[in-house]
Structure formats: C-alpha cells, structure tokens
Amino acid sequence: MAQSAWASGWFWRSGGAEVVLVLVLVLVLVLVLVLVLVLVLVLVLVLVLVLVLVLVLVLRLVLVLEFEWVGNLGGSPSTPRAGVDPLADTQPFHRCGV
C-alpha cells in the first residue's frame, strides 16, 4: 500500500515547514494590520465626535452669551432692565396696592 506524501514525511522534508511558517506569518501580519486599521478608525471616530461636541458646546456658549449681552442692552424682554419690576405684568393688582 502506497503512503501519501503527507504521511511519509515528504512534505516536511521538501520545505513544507517553511511554507507553513510563511503562511502563518502572513496570516498574523494580515490580522495585525486589520486590528490596527480598526483601532485607527475607532480613534478617528472618537476624535470627530469630541470635536463636534466641543464645537456645539462652544457655539451654545457663544450664542447664550451673545443673547445675554443683547438682553442687557434692552433688546430682549427675557432679562429685566434696572429699575423695571419683572413681575409688574404678571400681577394684575400690583399697581392698585392690593
């Protein structure tokens, strides 16, 4: 009965070990590259989200400060001016002294 090349050891004697080693190294290299690419993508996504969050917070702060500045000049009815009773319109009997 004839033995197969694998069973007779011919594969290993004719350089098969080097082929297997190269294949394993290529597989490990590909897996490492995929892992690095995934980590870079996650890092980029996190940085973009942080930048968007900071931009939104800064814009909100700037807009709030801008509207408060306009309100202090009397341009907004939401902020009371000096010498004006903010509850005057909400209490109908306030002017009658009741």
PDB file of N, CA and C in Angstrom:
ATOM      1  N   MET A   1       0.847  -1.169   0.000  1.00  0.00           N
ATOM      2  CA  MET A   1       0.000   0.000   0.000  1.00  0.00           C
ATOM      3  C   MET A   1       0.898   1.239   0.000  1.00  0.00           C
ATOM      4  N   ALA A   2       0.632   2.150  -0.897  1.00  0.00           N
ATOM      5  CA  ALA A   2       1.469   3.336  -1.005  1.00  0.00           C
ATOM      6  C   ALA A   2       1.059   4.361   0.035  1.00  0.00           C
ATOM      7  N   GLN A   3       2.059   4.984   0.649  1.00  0.00           N
ATOM      8  CA  GLN A   3       1.785   6.025   1.640  1.00  0.00           C
ATOM      9  C   GLN A   3       1.608   7.358   0.921  1.00  0.00           C
ATOM     10  N   SER A   4       0.806   8.228   1.543  1.00  0.00           N
ATOM     11  CA  SER A   4       0.650   9.570   0.973  1.00  0.00           C
ATOM     12  C   SER A   4       1.905  10.376   1.246  1.00  0.00           C
ATOM     13  N   ALA A   5       2.041  11.456   0.504  1.00  0.00           N
ATOM     14  CA  ALA A   5       3.216  12.324   0.688  1.00  0.00           C
ATOM     15  C   ALA A   5       3.234  12.916   2.084  1.00  0.00           C
ATOM     16  N   TRP A   6       2.054  13.215   2.626  1.00  0.00           N
ATOM     17  CA  TRP A   6       1.964  13.794   3.977  1.00  0.00           C
ATOM     18  C   TRP A   6       2.410  12.776   5.023  1.00  0.00           C
ATOM     19  N   ALA A   7       1.916  11.549   4.896  1.00  0.00           N
ATOM     20  CA  ALA A   7       2.216  10.517   5.894  1.00  0.00           C
ATOM     21  C   ALA A   7       3.675  10.075   5.814  1.00  0.00           C
ATOM     22  N   SER A   8       4.269  10.105   4.646  1.00  0.00           N
ATOM     23  CA  SER A   8       5.660   9.643   4.517  1.00  0.00           C
ATOM     24  C   SER A   8       6.664  10.690   4.972  1.00  0.00           C
ATOM     25  N   GLY A   9       6.205  11.924   5.223  1.00  0.00           N
ATOM     26  CA  GLY A   9       7.115  12.976   5.672  1.00  0.00           C
ATOM     27  C   GLY A   9       7.752  13.724   4.520  1.00  0.00           C
ATOM     28  N   TRP A  10       7.353  13.419   3.322  1.00  0.00           N
ATOM     29  CA  TRP A  10       7.941  14.092   2.150  1.00  0.00           C
ATOM     30  C   TRP A  10       7.656  15.600   2.178  1.00  0.00           C
ATOM     31  N   PHE A  11       6.447  15.978   2.610  1.00  0.00           N
ATOM     32  CA  PHE A  11       6.080  17.390   2.648  1.00  0.00           C
ATOM     33  C   PHE A  11       7.037  18.177   3.534  1.00  0.00           C
ATOM     34  N   TRP A  12       7.352  17.618   4.697  1.00  0.00           N
ATOM     35  CA  TRP A  12       8.208  18.340   5.637  1.00  0.00           C
ATOM     36  C   TRP A  12       9.662  18.321   5.173  1.00  0.00           C
ATOM     37  N   ARG A  13      10.095  17.235   4.532  1.00  0.00           N
ATOM     38  CA  ARG A  13      11.482  17.151   4.071  1.00  0.00           C
ATOM     39  C   ARG A  13      11.727  18.032   2.853  1.00  0.00           C
ATOM     40  N   SER A  14      10.689  18.329   2.092  1.00  0.00           N
ATOM     41  CA  SER A  14      10.891  19.100   0.867  1.00  0.00           C
ATOM     42  C   SER A  14      10.597  20.590   1.055  1.00  0.00           C
ATOM     43  N   GLY A  15      10.616  21.087   2.283  1.00  0.00           N
ATOM     44  CA  GLY A  15      10.440  22.519   2.526  1.00  0.00           C
ATOM     45  C   GLY A  15       9.035  22.904   2.929  1.00  0.00           C
ATOM     46  N   GLY A  16       8.229  21.956   3.295  1.00  0.00           N
ATOM     47  CA  GLY A  16       6.853  22.245   3.692  1.00  0.00           C
ATOM     48  C   GLY A  16       6.763  23.042   4.979  1.00  0.00           C
ATOM     49  N   ALA A  17       7.722  22.845   5.875  1.00  0.00           N
ATOM     50  CA  ALA A  17       7.698  23.583   7.143  1.00  0.00           C
ATOM     51  C   ALA A  17       7.861  25.073   6.897  1.00  0.00           C
ATOM     52  N   GLU A  18       8.725  25.408   5.955  1.00  0.00           N
ATOM     53  CA  GLU A  18       8.909  26.824   5.641  1.00  0.00           C
ATOM     54  C   GLU A  18       7.654  27.425   5.021  1.00  0.00           C
ATOM     55  N   VAL A  19       6.970  26.654   4.200  1.00  0.00           N
ATOM     56  CA  VAL A  19       5.728  27.134   3.589  1.00  0.00           C
ATOM     57  C   VAL A  19       4.680  27.387   4.658  1.00  0.00           C
ATOM     58  N   VAL A  20       4.530  26.471   5.579  1.00  0.00           N
ATOM     59  CA  VAL A  20       3.561  26.635   6.670  1.00  0.00           C
ATOM     60  C   VAL A  20       3.948  27.834   7.528  1.00  0.00           C
ATOM     61  N   LEU A  21       5.228  27.988   7.805  1.00  0.00           N
ATOM     62  CA  LEU A  21       5.680  29.116   8.613  1.00  0.00           C
ATOM     63  C   LEU A  21       5.389  30.435   7.916  1.00  0.00           C
ATOM     64  N   VAL A  22       5.642  30.517   6.632  1.00  0.00           N
ATOM     65  CA  VAL A  22       5.363  31.740   5.887  1.00  0.00           C
ATOM     66  C   VAL A  22       3.867  32.022   5.867  1.00  0.00           C
ATOM     67  N   LEU A  23       3.052  31.001   5.667  1.00  0.00           N
ATOM     68  CA  LEU A  23       1.601  31.194   5.669  1.00  0.00           C
ATOM     69  C   LEU A  23       1.100  31.687   7.024  1.00  0.00           C
ATOM     70  N   VAL A  24       1.626  31.131   8.098  1.00  0.00           N
ATOM     71  CA  VAL A  24       1.224  31.569   9.441  1.00  0.00           C
ATOM     72  C   VAL A  24       1.669  33.011   9.674  1.00  0.00           C
ATOM     73  N   LEU A  25       2.883  33.355   9.259  1.00  0.00           N
ATOM     74  CA  LEU A  25       3.362  34.726   9.436  1.00  0.00           C
ATOM     75  C   LEU A  25       2.540  35.717   8.618  1.00  0.00           C
ATOM     76  N   VAL A  26       2.171  35.351   7.400  1.00  0.00           N
ATOM     77  CA  VAL A  26       1.334  36.230   6.574  1.00  0.00           C
ATOM     78  C   VAL A  26      -0.036  36.399   7.215  1.00  0.00           C
ATOM     79  N   LEU A  27      -0.601  35.319   7.735  1.00  0.00           N
ATOM     80  CA  LEU A  27      -1.898  35.403   8.409  1.00  0.00           C
ATOM     81  C   LEU A  27      -1.831  36.307   9.638  1.00  0.00           C
ATOM     82  N   VAL A  28      -0.788  36.174  10.434  1.00  0.00           N
ATOM     83  CA  VAL A  28      -0.624  37.019  11.620  1.00  0.00           C
ATOM     84  C   VAL A  28      -0.441  38.477  11.205  1.00  0.00           C
ATOM     85  N   LEU A  29       0.333  38.717  10.160  1.00  0.00           N
ATOM     86  CA  LEU A  29       0.547  40.076   9.678  1.00  0.00           C
ATOM     87  C   LEU A  29      -0.764  40.705   9.194  1.00  0.00           C
ATOM     88  N   VAL A  30      -1.560  39.946   8.472  1.00  0.00           N
ATOM     89  CA  VAL A  30      -2.850  40.455   7.998  1.00  0.00           C
ATOM     90  C   VAL A  30      -3.772  40.753   9.180  1.00  0.00           C
ATOM     91  N   LEU A  31      -3.807  39.881  10.162  1.00  0.00           N
ATOM     92  CA  LEU A  31      -4.650  40.124  11.341  1.00  0.00           C
ATOM     93  C   LEU A  31      -4.196  41.362  12.109  1.00  0.00           C
ATOM     94  N   VAL A  32      -2.900  41.552  12.241  1.00  0.00           N
ATOM     95  CA  VAL A  32      -2.381  42.745  12.936  1.00  0.00           C
ATOM     96  C   VAL A  32      -2.735  44.003  12.158  1.00  0.00           C
ATOM     97  N   LEU A  33      -2.601  43.968  10.842  1.00  0.00           N
ATOM     98  CA  LEU A  33      -2.953  45.134  10.032  1.00  0.00           C
ATOM     99  C   LEU A  33      -4.435  45.466  10.133  1.00  0.00           C
ATOM    100  N   VAL A  34      -5.290  44.453  10.120  1.00  0.00           N
ATOM    101  CA  VAL A  34      -6.729  44.690  10.261  1.00  0.00           C
ATOM    102  C   VAL A  34      -7.023  45.284  11.629  1.00  0.00           C
ATOM    103  N   LEU A  35      -6.395  44.776  12.665  1.00  0.00           N
ATOM    104  CA  LEU A  35      -6.598  45.306  14.013  1.00  0.00           C
ATOM    105  C   LEU A  35      -6.152  46.756  14.108  1.00  0.00           C
ATOM    106  N   VAL A  36      -5.008  47.077  13.517  1.00  0.00           N
ATOM    107  CA  VAL A  36      -4.517  48.458  13.532  1.00  0.00           C
ATOM    108  C   VAL A  36      -5.476  49.369  12.776  1.00  0.00           C
ATOM    109  N   LEU A  37      -5.976  48.922  11.626  1.00  0.00           N
ATOM    110  CA  LEU A  37      -6.922  49.732  10.861  1.00  0.00           C
ATOM    111  C   LEU A  37      -8.210  49.975  11.647  1.00  0.00           C
ATOM    112  N   VAL A  38      -8.701  48.955  12.328  1.00  0.00           N
ATOM    113  CA  VAL A  38      -9.917  49.121  13.130  1.00  0.00           C
ATOM    114  C   VAL A  38      -9.667  50.097  14.272  1.00  0.00           C
ATOM    115  N   LEU A  39      -8.520  49.984  14.930  1.00  0.00           N
ATOM    116  CA  LEU A  39      -8.216  50.908  16.028  1.00  0.00           C
ATOM    117  C   LEU A  39      -8.082  52.340  15.531  1.00  0.00           C
ATOM    118  N   VAL A  40      -7.465  52.528  14.369  1.00  0.00           N
ATOM    119  CA  VAL A  40      -7.339  53.872  13.805  1.00  0.00           C
ATOM    120  C   VAL A  40      -8.711  54.434  13.458  1.00  0.00           C
ATOM    121  N   LEU A  41      -9.578  53.617  12.879  1.00  0.00           N
ATOM    122  CA  LEU A  41     -10.929  54.078  12.562  1.00  0.00           C
ATOM    123  C   LEU A  41     -11.699  54.471  13.820  1.00  0.00           C
ATOM    124  N   VAL A  42     -11.592  53.673  14.860  1.00  0.00           N
ATOM    125  CA  VAL A  42     -12.280  53.999  16.119  1.00  0.00           C
ATOM    126  C   VAL A  42     -11.714  55.289  16.702  1.00  0.00           C
ATOM    127  N   LEU A  43     -10.413  55.457  16.649  1.00  0.00           N
ATOM    128  CA  LEU A  43      -9.789  56.679  17.171  1.00  0.00           C
ATOM    129  C   LEU A  43     -10.250  57.903  16.391  1.00  0.00           C
ATOM    130  N   VAL A  44     -10.308  57.788  15.082  1.00  0.00           N
ATOM    131  CA  VAL A  44     -10.764  58.906  14.257  1.00  0.00           C
ATOM    132  C   VAL A  44     -12.221  59.238  14.559  1.00  0.00           C
ATOM    133  N   LEU A  45     -13.061  58.228  14.703  1.00  0.00           N
ATOM    134  CA  LEU A  45     -14.471  58.478  15.027  1.00  0.00           C
ATOM    135  C   LEU A  45     -14.618  59.161  16.384  1.00  0.00           C
ATOM    136  N   VAL A  46     -13.856  58.716  17.362  1.00  0.00           N
ATOM    137  CA  VAL A  46     -13.928  59.334  18.691  1.00  0.00           C
ATOM    138  C   VAL A  46     -13.450  60.786  18.618  1.00  0.00           C
ATOM    139  N   LEU A  47     -12.383  61.048  17.893  1.00  0.00           N
ATOM    140  CA  LEU A  47     -11.894  62.425  17.773  1.00  0.00           C
ATOM    141  C   LEU A  47     -12.911  63.315  17.063  1.00  0.00           C
ATOM    142  N   VAL A  48     -13.552  62.791  16.031  1.00  0.00           N
ATOM    143  CA  VAL A  48     -14.572  63.579  15.329  1.00  0.00           C
ATOM    144  C   VAL A  48     -15.744  63.864  16.263  1.00  0.00           C
ATOM    145  N   LEU A  49     -16.172  62.876  17.021  1.00  0.00           N
ATOM    146  CA  LEU A  49     -17.286  63.101  17.954  1.00  0.00           C
ATOM    147  C   LEU A  49     -16.913  64.120  19.022  1.00  0.00           C
ATOM    148  N   VAL A  50     -15.704  64.046  19.540  1.00  0.00           N
ATOM    149  CA  VAL A  50     -15.269  65.014  20.556  1.00  0.00           C
ATOM    150  C   VAL A  50     -15.206  66.415  19.957  1.00  0.00           C
ATOM    151  N   LEU A  51     -14.687  66.537  18.739  1.00  0.00           N
ATOM    152  CA  LEU A  51     -14.625  67.857  18.109  1.00  0.00           C
ATOM    153  C   LEU A  51     -16.017  68.425  17.855  1.00  0.00           C
ATOM    154  N   VAL A  52     -16.940  67.592  17.423  1.00  0.00           N
ATOM    155  CA  VAL A  52     -18.316  68.057  17.199  1.00  0.00           C
ATOM    156  C   VAL A  52     -18.944  68.483  18.522  1.00  0.00           C
ATOM    157  N   LEU A  53     -18.725  67.705  19.572  1.00  0.00           N
ATOM    158  CA  LEU A  53     -19.276  68.051  20.882  1.00  0.00           C
ATOM    159  C   LEU A  53     -18.703  69.377  21.381  1.00  0.00           C
ATOM    160  N   VAL A  54     -17.398  69.556  21.257  1.00  0.00           N
ATOM    161  CA  VAL A  54     -16.774  70.813  21.689  1.00  0.00           C
ATOM    162  C   VAL A  54     -17.303  71.977  20.858  1.00  0.00           C
ATOM    163  N   LEU A  55     -17.437  71.769  19.554  1.00  0.00           N
ATOM    164  CA  LEU A  55     -17.956  72.829  18.687  1.00  0.00           C
ATOM    165  C   LEU A  55     -19.378  73.211  19.077  1.00  0.00           C
ATOM    166  N   VAL A  56     -20.219  72.215  19.346  1.00  0.00           N
ATOM    167  CA  VAL A  56     -21.597  72.503  19.742  1.00  0.00           C
ATOM    168  C   VAL A  56     -21.626  73.243  21.074  1.00  0.00           C
ATOM    169  N   LEU A  57     -20.818  72.796  22.028  1.00  0.00           N
ATOM    170  CA  LEU A  57     -20.809  73.469  23.337  1.00  0.00           C
ATOM    171  C   LEU A  57     -20.296  74.899  23.224  1.00  0.00           C
ATOM    172  N   VAL A  58     -19.265  75.114  22.423  1.00  0.00           N
ATOM    173  CA  VAL A  58     -18.735  76.466  22.251  1.00  0.00           C
ATOM    174  C   VAL A  58     -19.762  77.352  21.556  1.00  0.00           C
ATOM    175  N   LEU A  59     -20.410  76.829  20.532  1.00  0.00           N
ATOM    176  CA  LEU A  59     -21.436  77.621  19.845  1.00  0.00           C
ATOM    177  C   LEU A  59     -22.597  77.955  20.779  1.00  0.00           C
ATOM    178  N   ARG A  60     -23.012  76.991  21.591  1.00  0.00           N
ATOM    179  CA  ARG A  60     -24.091  77.281  22.543  1.00  0.00           C
ATOM    180  C   ARG A  60     -23.668  78.360  23.529  1.00  0.00           C
ATOM    181  N   LEU A  61     -22.433  78.257  24.026  1.00  0.00           N
ATOM    182  CA  LEU A  61     -21.941  79.251  24.971  1.00  0.00           C
ATOM    183  C   LEU A  61     -21.869  80.625  24.322  1.00  0.00           C
ATOM    184  N   VAL A  62     -21.360  80.676  23.098  1.00  0.00           N
ATOM    185  CA  VAL A  62     -21.255  81.956  22.399  1.00  0.00           C
ATOM    186  C   VAL A  62     -22.641  82.538  22.148  1.00  0.00           C
ATOM    187  N   LEU A  63     -23.572  81.701  21.715  1.00  0.00           N
ATOM    188  CA  LEU A  63     -24.922  82.200  21.440  1.00  0.00           C
ATOM    189  C   LEU A  63     -25.611  82.665  22.712  1.00  0.00           C
ATOM    190  N   VAL A  64     -25.443  81.917  23.814  1.00  0.00           N
ATOM    191  CA  VAL A  64     -26.062  82.323  25.082  1.00  0.00           C
ATOM    192  C   VAL A  64     -25.453  83.638  25.551  1.00  0.00           C
ATOM    193  N   LEU A  65     -24.137  83.739  25.490  1.00  0.00           N
ATOM    194  CA  LEU A  65     -23.504  84.991  25.926  1.00  0.00           C
ATOM    195  C   LEU A  65     -23.913  86.148  25.032  1.00  0.00           C
ATOM    196  N   GLU A  66     -24.043  85.894  23.735  1.00  0.00           N
ATOM    197  CA  GLU A  66     -24.435  86.958  22.823  1.00  0.00           C
ATOM    198  C   GLU A  66     -25.855  87.429  23.136  1.00  0.00           C
ATOM    199  N   PHE A  67     -26.768  86.491  23.393  1.00  0.00           N
ATOM    200  CA  PHE A  67     -28.139  86.891  23.690  1.00  0.00           C
ATOM    201  C   PHE A  67     -28.240  87.568  25.049  1.00  0.00           C
ATOM    202  N   GLU A  68     -27.408  87.156  26.017  1.00  0.00           N
ATOM    203  CA  GLU A  68     -27.410  87.858  27.302  1.00  0.00           C
ATOM    204  C   GLU A  68     -26.896  89.280  27.124  1.00  0.00           C
ATOM    205  N   TRP A  69     -25.915  89.459  26.284  1.00  0.00           N
ATOM    206  CA  TRP A  69     -25.368  90.801  26.038  1.00  0.00           C
ATOM    207  C   TRP A  69     -26.421  91.676  25.368  1.00  0.00           C
ATOM    208  N   VAL A  70     -27.142  91.113  24.395  1.00  0.00           N
ATOM    209  CA  VAL A  70     -28.216  91.873  23.752  1.00  0.00           C
ATOM    210  C   VAL A  70     -29.314  92.172  24.762  1.00  0.00           C
ATOM    211  N   GLY A  71     -29.622  91.205  25.643  1.00  0.00           N
ATOM    212  CA  GLY A  71     -30.664  91.410  26.641  1.00  0.00           C
ATOM    213  C   GLY A  71     -30.293  92.493  27.629  1.00  0.00           C
ATOM    214  N   ASN A  72     -29.036  92.590  27.981  1.00  0.00           N
ATOM    215  CA  ASN A  72     -28.617  93.637  28.906  1.00  0.00           C
ATOM    216  C   ASN A  72     -28.688  95.013  28.278  1.00  0.00           C
ATOM    217  N   LEU A  73     -28.678  95.071  26.963  1.00  0.00           N
ATOM    218  CA  LEU A  73     -28.843  96.351  26.290  1.00  0.00           C
ATOM    219  C   LEU A  73     -30.317  96.716  26.130  1.00  0.00           C
ATOM    220  N   GLY A  74     -31.194  95.828  26.548  1.00  0.00           N
ATOM    221  CA  GLY A  74     -32.622  96.102  26.442  1.00  0.00           C
ATOM    222  C   GLY A  74     -33.247  95.532  25.195  1.00  0.00           C
ATOM    223  N   GLY A  75     -32.519  94.683  24.466  1.00  0.00           N
ATOM    224  CA  GLY A  75     -33.053  94.126  23.239  1.00  0.00           C
ATOM    225  C   GLY A  75     -33.860  92.864  23.444  1.00  0.00           C
ATOM    226  N   SER A  76     -33.838  92.303  24.632  1.00  0.00           N
ATOM    227  CA  SER A  76     -34.556  91.060  24.881  1.00  0.00           C
ATOM    228  C   SER A  76     -35.487  91.261  26.071  1.00  0.00           C
ATOM    229  N   PRO A  77     -36.756  90.907  25.957  1.00  0.00           N
ATOM    230  CA  PRO A  77     -37.680  91.064  27.072  1.00  0.00           C
ATOM    231  C   PRO A  77     -37.470  90.042  28.180  1.00  0.00           C
ATOM    232  N   SER A  78     -36.619  89.030  27.948  1.00  0.00           N
ATOM    233  CA  SER A  78     -36.466  87.985  28.962  1.00  0.00           C
ATOM    234  C   SER A  78     -35.581  88.435  30.122  1.00  0.00           C
ATOM    235  N   THR A  79     -34.723  89.407  29.925  1.00  0.00           N
ATOM    236  CA  THR A  79     -33.865  89.872  31.014  1.00  0.00           C
ATOM    237  C   THR A  79     -34.329  91.260  31.442  1.00  0.00           C
ATOM    238  N   PRO A  80     -34.629  91.415  32.737  1.00  0.00           N
ATOM    239  CA  PRO A  80     -35.143  92.702  33.203  1.00  0.00           C
ATOM    240  C   PRO A  80     -34.059  93.776  33.203  1.00  0.00           C
ATOM    241  N   ARG A  81     -34.461  94.983  32.927  1.00  0.00           N
ATOM    242  CA  ARG A  81     -33.546  96.118  32.988  1.00  0.00           C
ATOM    243  C   ARG A  81     -33.595  96.713  34.389  1.00  0.00           C
ATOM    244  N   ALA A  82     -32.630  97.502  34.693  1.00  0.00           N
ATOM    245  CA  ALA A  82     -32.569  98.127  36.011  1.00  0.00           C
ATOM    246  C   ALA A  82     -33.746  99.083  36.174  1.00  0.00           C
ATOM    247  N   GLY A  83     -34.390  99.004  37.334  1.00  0.00           N
ATOM    248  CA  GLY A  83     -35.495  99.898  37.633  1.00  0.00           C
ATOM    249  C   GLY A  83     -36.839  99.431  37.105  1.00  0.00           C
ATOM    250  N   VAL A  84     -36.910  98.284  36.482  1.00  0.00           N
ATOM    251  CA  VAL A  84     -38.167  97.752  35.948  1.00  0.00           C
ATOM    252  C   VAL A  84     -38.541  96.530  36.763  1.00  0.00           C
ATOM    253  N   ASP A  85     -39.774  96.503  37.256  1.00  0.00           N
ATOM    254  CA  ASP A  85     -40.256  95.373  38.037  1.00  0.00           C
ATOM    255  C   ASP A  85     -40.592  94.220  37.088  1.00  0.00           C
ATOM    256  N   PRO A  86     -39.899  93.097  37.190  1.00  0.00           N
ATOM    257  CA  PRO A  86     -40.164  91.999  36.260  1.00  0.00           C
ATOM    258  C   PRO A  86     -41.523  91.342  36.504  1.00  0.00           C
ATOM    259  N   LEU A  87     -42.104  91.540  37.687  1.00  0.00           N
ATOM    260  CA  LEU A  87     -43.398  90.917  37.993  1.00  0.00           C
ATOM    261  C   LEU A  87     -44.565  91.862  37.751  1.00  0.00           C
ATOM    262  N   ALA A  88     -44.328  93.023  37.228  1.00  0.00           N
ATOM    263  CA  ALA A  88     -45.392  94.019  37.068  1.00  0.00           C
ATOM    264  C   ALA A  88     -46.495  93.522  36.136  1.00  0.00           C
ATOM    265  N   ASP A  89     -46.153  92.822  35.076  1.00  0.00           N
ATOM    266  CA  ASP A  89     -47.166  92.353  34.130  1.00  0.00           C
ATOM    267  C   ASP A  89     -47.826  91.064  34.580  1.00  0.00           C
ATOM    268  N   THR A  90     -47.219  90.334  35.516  1.00  0.00           N
ATOM    269  CA  THR A  90     -47.783  89.058  35.942  1.00  0.00           C
ATOM    270  C   THR A  90     -48.700  89.210  37.150  1.00  0.00           C
ATOM    271  N   GLN A  91     -48.657  90.326  37.843  1.00  0.00           N
ATOM    272  CA  GLN A  91     -49.522  90.557  38.997  1.00  0.00           C
ATOM    273  C   GLN A  91     -50.483  91.701  38.667  1.00  0.00           C
ATOM    274  N   PRO A  92     -51.725  91.382  38.315  1.00  0.00           N
ATOM    275  CA  PRO A  92     -52.645  92.432  37.853  1.00  0.00           C
ATOM    276  C   PRO A  92     -52.995  93.464  38.917  1.00  0.00           C
ATOM    277  N   PHE A  93     -52.959  93.090  40.192  1.00  0.00           N
ATOM    278  CA  PHE A  93     -53.354  94.044  41.244  1.00  0.00           C
ATOM    279  C   PHE A  93     -52.160  94.718  41.892  1.00  0.00           C
ATOM    280  N   HIS A  94     -51.009  94.528  41.324  1.00  0.00           N
ATOM    281  CA  HIS A  94     -49.805  95.103  41.908  1.00  0.00           C
ATOM    282  C   HIS A  94     -49.871  96.636  41.906  1.00  0.00           C
ATOM    283  N   ARG A  95     -50.386  97.226  40.855  1.00  0.00           N
ATOM    284  CA  ARG A  95     -50.424  98.686  40.757  1.00  0.00           C
ATOM    285  C   ARG A  95     -51.522  99.294  41.639  1.00  0.00           C
ATOM    286  N   CYS A  96     -52.500  98.509  42.013  1.00  0.00           N
ATOM    287  CA  CYS A  96     -53.595  99.028  42.832  1.00  0.00           C
ATOM    288  C   CYS A  96     -53.237  99.048  44.308  1.00  0.00           C
ATOM    289  N   GLY A  97     -52.102  98.453  44.654  1.00  0.00           N
ATOM    290  CA  GLY A  97     -51.700  98.456  46.059  1.00  0.00           C
ATOM    291  C   GLY A  97     -52.362  97.360  46.860  1.00  0.00           C
ATOM    292  N   VAL A  98     -52.965  96.368  46.223  1.00  0.00           N
ATOM    293  CA  VAL A  98     -53.651  95.273  46.940  1.00  0.00           C
ATOM    294  C   VAL A  98     -52.683  94.152  47.171  1.00  0.00           C
TER     295      VAL A  98
END
